[in-house]
Amino acid sequence: MKMRGQAFETMMLVISVIVAVAILGILLSFLGGIGTFGANAKEVLPDLVKKVSQRGYGVEVRGKVEFTAADRFYRKNAIGESAVAENNLDFFCDDDAICGDKSAPLTVTENSIVVNKKITGAIAACTEDGVEYHIFIAAKDTEASSEAEETCNLA
């Protein structure tokens, strides 16, 4: 029978911890990719505008975005930390199922989004020239993306 020293046991413990952390990282990235939990619109709006403004053109889309009841979004909320001027940002929604009058889950005007009922939808932000920015709300990310590409002449 071979005897092993304390250093061997310590190294085995260290290796076990490294393997466990690696497995945990893989599992967390997998769970994050599933997307069963919607991101909050308060975080998504400024993030999308910032990404598009940094690039200066194009479209950024995010699906499965949760709009919480009684939330209100204005241009200044959507701009966040980006360098976009408030008067150069407009909100749009052509989907009558989620936008429209006060009985619809969302009331969208050029200046604001008012959440009447909790809903999950998609948001797309776009710009063609790096000056005028548009935010599109739709039921699905493909719809929001196609509206944004069409309006910003990127299709």
C-alpha atoms as a PDB file:
ATOM      1  CA  MET A   1       0.000   0.000   0.000  1.00  0.00           C
ATOM      2  CA  LYS A   2       1.365   3.379  -1.048  1.00  0.00           C
ATOM      3  CA  MET A   3       1.201   6.309   1.322  1.00  0.00           C
ATOM      4  CA  ARG A   4       0.515   9.747  -0.128  1.00  0.00           C
ATOM      5  CA  GLY A   5       1.420  13.021   1.540  1.00  0.00           C
ATOM      6  CA  GLN A   6      -0.682  15.988   2.539  1.00  0.00           C
ATOM      7  CA  ALA A   7       0.267  17.883  -0.610  1.00  0.00           C
ATOM      8  CA  PHE A   8      -1.417  15.253  -2.779  1.00  0.00           C
ATOM      9  CA  GLU A   9      -4.689  15.510  -0.837  1.00  0.00           C
ATOM     10  CA  THR A  10      -4.598  19.325  -0.990  1.00  0.00           C
ATOM     11  CA  MET A  11      -4.023  19.294  -4.751  1.00  0.00           C
ATOM     12  CA  MET A  12      -6.932  16.894  -5.230  1.00  0.00           C
ATOM     13  CA  LEU A  13      -9.167  19.275  -3.264  1.00  0.00           C
ATOM     14  CA  VAL A  14      -8.035  22.261  -5.353  1.00  0.00           C
ATOM     15  CA  ILE A  15      -8.656  20.372  -8.591  1.00  0.00           C
ATOM     16  CA  SER A  16     -12.128  19.355  -7.374  1.00  0.00           C
ATOM     17  CA  VAL A  17     -13.007  22.979  -6.630  1.00  0.00           C
ATOM     18  CA  ILE A  18     -11.795  24.121 -10.074  1.00  0.00           C
ATOM     19  CA  VAL A  19     -13.866  21.422 -11.806  1.00  0.00           C
ATOM     20  CA  ALA A  20     -16.944  22.334  -9.736  1.00  0.00           C
ATOM     21  CA  VAL A  21     -16.618  26.036 -10.598  1.00  0.00           C
ATOM     22  CA  ALA A  22     -16.209  25.203 -14.294  1.00  0.00           C
ATOM     23  CA  ILE A  23     -19.338  23.027 -14.260  1.00  0.00           C
ATOM     24  CA  LEU A  24     -21.269  25.764 -12.444  1.00  0.00           C
ATOM     25  CA  GLY A  25     -20.194  28.325 -15.056  1.00  0.00           C
ATOM     26  CA  ILE A  26     -21.362  26.061 -17.887  1.00  0.00           C
ATOM     27  CA  LEU A  27     -24.713  25.467 -16.195  1.00  0.00           C
ATOM     28  CA  LEU A  28     -25.296  29.158 -15.523  1.00  0.00           C
ATOM     29  CA  SER A  29     -24.501  30.125 -19.110  1.00  0.00           C
ATOM     30  CA  PHE A  30     -26.875  27.420 -20.332  1.00  0.00           C
ATOM     31  CA  LEU A  31     -29.672  28.615 -18.049  1.00  0.00           C
ATOM     32  CA  GLY A  32     -29.087  32.218 -19.101  1.00  0.00           C
ATOM     33  CA  GLY A  33     -29.366  31.234 -22.765  1.00  0.00           C
ATOM     34  CA  ILE A  34     -32.713  29.540 -22.344  1.00  0.00           C
ATOM     35  CA  GLY A  35     -34.414  32.876 -21.932  1.00  0.00           C
ATOM     36  CA  THR A  36     -37.395  31.674 -19.929  1.00  0.00           C
ATOM     37  CA  PHE A  37     -37.130  34.771 -17.806  1.00  0.00           C
ATOM     38  CA  GLY A  38     -37.863  38.003 -19.593  1.00  0.00           C
ATOM     39  CA  ALA A  39     -35.614  40.970 -19.182  1.00  0.00           C
ATOM     40  CA  ASN A  40     -37.123  44.109 -17.722  1.00  0.00           C
ATOM     41  CA  ALA A  41     -37.924  46.889 -20.195  1.00  0.00           C
ATOM     42  CA  LYS A  42     -36.367  49.494 -17.861  1.00  0.00           C
ATOM     43  CA  GLU A  43     -32.986  47.858 -18.412  1.00  0.00           C
ATOM     44  CA  VAL A  44     -33.414  46.813 -22.040  1.00  0.00           C
ATOM     45  CA  LEU A  45     -34.484  50.158 -23.547  1.00  0.00           C
ATOM     46  CA  PRO A  46     -31.390  52.185 -22.580  1.00  0.00           C
ATOM     47  CA  ASP A  47     -29.117  49.237 -23.360  1.00  0.00           C
ATOM     48  CA  LEU A  48     -30.438  48.890 -26.923  1.00  0.00           C
ATOM     49  CA  VAL A  49     -30.249  52.650 -27.568  1.00  0.00           C
ATOM     50  CA  LYS A  50     -26.697  52.752 -26.216  1.00  0.00           C
ATOM     51  CA  LYS A  51     -25.579  49.856 -28.435  1.00  0.00           C
ATOM     52  CA  VAL A  52     -27.061  51.395 -31.575  1.00  0.00           C
ATOM     53  CA  SER A  53     -25.729  54.873 -30.779  1.00  0.00           C
ATOM     54  CA  GLN A  54     -22.217  53.560 -30.166  1.00  0.00           C
ATOM     55  CA  ARG A  55     -22.264  51.871 -33.552  1.00  0.00           C
ATOM     56  CA  GLY A  56     -23.917  54.852 -35.287  1.00  0.00           C
ATOM     57  CA  TYR A  57     -26.221  52.750 -37.498  1.00  0.00           C
ATOM     58  CA  GLY A  58     -28.163  49.505 -37.542  1.00  0.00           C
ATOM     59  CA  VAL A  59     -30.717  47.627 -35.464  1.00  0.00           C
ATOM     60  CA  GLU A  60     -30.603  46.026 -32.022  1.00  0.00           C
ATOM     61  CA  VAL A  61     -33.447  43.705 -31.034  1.00  0.00           C
ATOM     62  CA  ARG A  62     -34.441  42.003 -27.802  1.00  0.00           C
ATOM     63  CA  GLY A  63     -37.324  39.563 -27.431  1.00  0.00           C
ATOM     64  CA  LYS A  64     -39.109  38.409 -24.286  1.00  0.00           C
ATOM     65  CA  VAL A  65     -39.010  41.802 -22.610  1.00  0.00           C
ATOM     66  CA  GLU A  66     -41.325  42.272 -19.645  1.00  0.00           C
ATOM     67  CA  PHE A  67     -43.299  45.471 -19.335  1.00  0.00           C
ATOM     68  CA  THR A  68     -44.476  45.823 -15.728  1.00  0.00           C
ATOM     69  CA  ALA A  69     -47.921  47.295 -15.069  1.00  0.00           C
ATOM     70  CA  ALA A  70     -47.985  51.018 -14.209  1.00  0.00           C
ATOM     71  CA  ASP A  71     -44.488  51.645 -15.616  1.00  0.00           C
ATOM     72  CA  ARG A  72     -43.972  54.695 -17.795  1.00  0.00           C
ATOM     73  CA  PHE A  73     -41.119  55.209 -20.200  1.00  0.00           C
ATOM     74  CA  TYR A  74     -40.159  58.553 -21.600  1.00  0.00           C
ATOM     75  CA  ARG A  75     -37.438  59.559 -24.022  1.00  0.00           C
ATOM     76  CA  LYS A  76     -35.034  60.414 -21.196  1.00  0.00           C
ATOM     77  CA  ASN A  77     -35.488  56.889 -19.704  1.00  0.00           C
ATOM     78  CA  ALA A  78     -34.740  55.221 -23.014  1.00  0.00           C
ATOM     79  CA  ILE A  79     -31.668  57.324 -23.714  1.00  0.00           C
ATOM     80  CA  GLY A  80     -29.942  56.325 -20.496  1.00  0.00           C
ATOM     81  CA  GLU A  81     -26.204  57.027 -20.697  1.00  0.00           C
ATOM     82  CA  SER A  82     -26.046  57.330 -24.480  1.00  0.00           C
ATOM     83  CA  ALA A  83     -25.316  60.612 -26.272  1.00  0.00           C
ATOM     84  CA  VAL A  84     -28.667  60.613 -28.099  1.00  0.00           C
ATOM     85  CA  ALA A  85     -30.642  63.863 -27.868  1.00  0.00           C
ATOM     86  CA  GLU A  86     -34.147  63.446 -26.411  1.00  0.00           C
ATOM     87  CA  ASN A  87     -35.871  65.083 -29.376  1.00  0.00           C
ATOM     88  CA  ASN A  88     -34.111  62.638 -31.751  1.00  0.00           C
ATOM     89  CA  LEU A  89     -35.796  59.546 -30.278  1.00  0.00           C
ATOM     90  CA  ASP A  90     -39.315  58.331 -31.096  1.00  0.00           C
ATOM     91  CA  PHE A  91     -41.386  55.348 -29.930  1.00  0.00           C
ATOM     92  CA  PHE A  92     -43.543  53.312 -32.331  1.00  0.00           C
ATOM     93  CA  CYS A  93     -45.942  50.396 -32.114  1.00  0.00           C
ATOM     94  CA  ASP A  94     -48.050  49.087 -35.006  1.00  0.00           C
ATOM     95  CA  ASP A  95     -49.253  45.953 -33.220  1.00  0.00           C
ATOM     96  CA  ASP A  96     -52.898  46.526 -32.229  1.00  0.00           C
ATOM     97  CA  ALA A  97     -52.856  43.436 -30.013  1.00  0.00           C
ATOM     98  CA  ILE A  98     -50.445  45.010 -27.524  1.00  0.00           C
ATOM     99  CA  CYS A  99     -50.621  48.743 -28.321  1.00  0.00           C
ATOM    100  CA  GLY A 100     -53.410  51.161 -28.865  1.00  0.00           C
ATOM    101  CA  ASP A 101     -56.028  52.696 -26.632  1.00  0.00           C
ATOM    102  CA  LYS A 102     -56.117  52.549 -22.833  1.00  0.00           C
ATOM    103  CA  SER A 103     -57.648  49.059 -22.828  1.00  0.00           C
ATOM    104  CA  ALA A 104     -54.567  47.656 -24.622  1.00  0.00           C
ATOM    105  CA  PRO A 105     -51.593  46.521 -22.515  1.00  0.00           C
ATOM    106  CA  LEU A 106     -49.411  49.385 -23.823  1.00  0.00           C
ATOM    107  CA  THR A 107     -50.197  52.931 -24.874  1.00  0.00           C
ATOM    108  CA  VAL A 108     -47.406  54.140 -27.149  1.00  0.00           C
ATOM    109  CA  THR A 109     -46.941  57.693 -28.406  1.00  0.00           C
ATOM    110  CA  GLU A 110     -43.900  59.314 -30.008  1.00  0.00           C
ATOM    111  CA  ASN A 111     -42.847  60.596 -26.587  1.00  0.00           C
ATOM    112  CA  SER A 112     -43.776  57.806 -24.184  1.00  0.00           C
ATOM    113  CA  ILE A 113     -44.816  54.259 -23.408  1.00  0.00           C
ATOM    114  CA  VAL A 114     -47.420  53.699 -20.697  1.00  0.00           C
ATOM    115  CA  VAL A 115     -47.872  50.140 -19.441  1.00  0.00           C
ATOM    116  CA  ASN A 116     -51.543  49.503 -18.648  1.00  0.00           C
ATOM    117  CA  LYS A 117     -51.195  45.762 -18.060  1.00  0.00           C
ATOM    118  CA  LYS A 118     -48.190  43.491 -17.581  1.00  0.00           C
ATOM    119  CA  ILE A 119     -47.090  42.042 -20.903  1.00  0.00           C
ATOM    120  CA  THR A 120     -44.102  40.416 -22.558  1.00  0.00           C
ATOM    121  CA  GLY A 121     -43.091  41.737 -25.948  1.00  0.00           C
ATOM    122  CA  ALA A 122     -40.129  42.659 -28.109  1.00  0.00           C
ATOM    123  CA  ILE A 123     -38.169  45.879 -28.508  1.00  0.00           C
ATOM    124  CA  ALA A 124     -36.058  47.013 -31.449  1.00  0.00           C
ATOM    125  CA  ALA A 125     -33.923  50.160 -31.603  1.00  0.00           C
ATOM    126  CA  CYS A 126     -32.538  51.503 -34.855  1.00  0.00           C
ATOM    127  CA  THR A 127     -30.853  54.425 -36.559  1.00  0.00           C
ATOM    128  CA  GLU A 128     -29.866  55.022 -40.139  1.00  0.00           C
ATOM    129  CA  ASP A 129     -27.767  58.146 -39.741  1.00  0.00           C
ATOM    130  CA  GLY A 130     -26.675  58.201 -36.086  1.00  0.00           C
ATOM    131  CA  VAL A 131     -28.922  61.199 -35.437  1.00  0.00           C
ATOM    132  CA  GLU A 132     -32.555  60.014 -35.537  1.00  0.00           C
ATOM    133  CA  TYR A 133     -33.342  56.982 -33.351  1.00  0.00           C
ATOM    134  CA  HIS A 134     -36.490  54.860 -33.274  1.00  0.00           C
ATOM    135  CA  ILE A 135     -37.805  52.359 -30.724  1.00  0.00           C
ATOM    136  CA  PHE A 136     -40.279  49.734 -31.941  1.00  0.00           C
ATOM    137  CA  ILE A 137     -42.516  47.630 -29.735  1.00  0.00           C
ATOM    138  CA  ALA A 138     -44.117  44.442 -31.077  1.00  0.00           C
ATOM    139  CA  ALA A 139     -45.324  41.052 -29.903  1.00  0.00           C
ATOM    140  CA  LYS A 140     -42.397  39.173 -31.487  1.00  0.00           C
ATOM    141  CA  ASP A 141     -38.770  40.097 -32.057  1.00  0.00           C
ATOM    142  CA  THR A 142     -39.032  39.352 -35.790  1.00  0.00           C
ATOM    143  CA  GLU A 143     -41.874  41.869 -36.132  1.00  0.00           C
ATOM    144  CA  ALA A 144     -40.015  44.558 -34.181  1.00  0.00           C
ATOM    145  CA  SER A 145     -36.859  43.940 -36.200  1.00  0.00           C
ATOM    146  CA  SER A 146     -38.571  44.133 -39.600  1.00  0.00           C
ATOM    147  CA  GLU A 147     -40.405  47.365 -38.641  1.00  0.00           C
ATOM    148  CA  ALA A 148     -37.130  48.895 -37.465  1.00  0.00           C
ATOM    149  CA  GLU A 149     -35.219  47.857 -40.584  1.00  0.00           C
ATOM    150  CA  GLU A 150     -37.949  49.249 -42.820  1.00  0.00           C
ATOM    151  CA  THR A 151     -38.232  52.584 -41.012  1.00  0.00           C
ATOM    152  CA  CYS A 152     -34.474  53.111 -40.760  1.00  0.00           C
ATOM    153  CA  ASN A 153     -33.999  52.085 -44.418  1.00  0.00           C
ATOM    154  CA  LEU A 154     -31.776  49.159 -43.481  1.00  0.00           C
ATOM    155  CA  ALA A 155     -33.701  46.387 -45.239  1.00  0.00           C
END
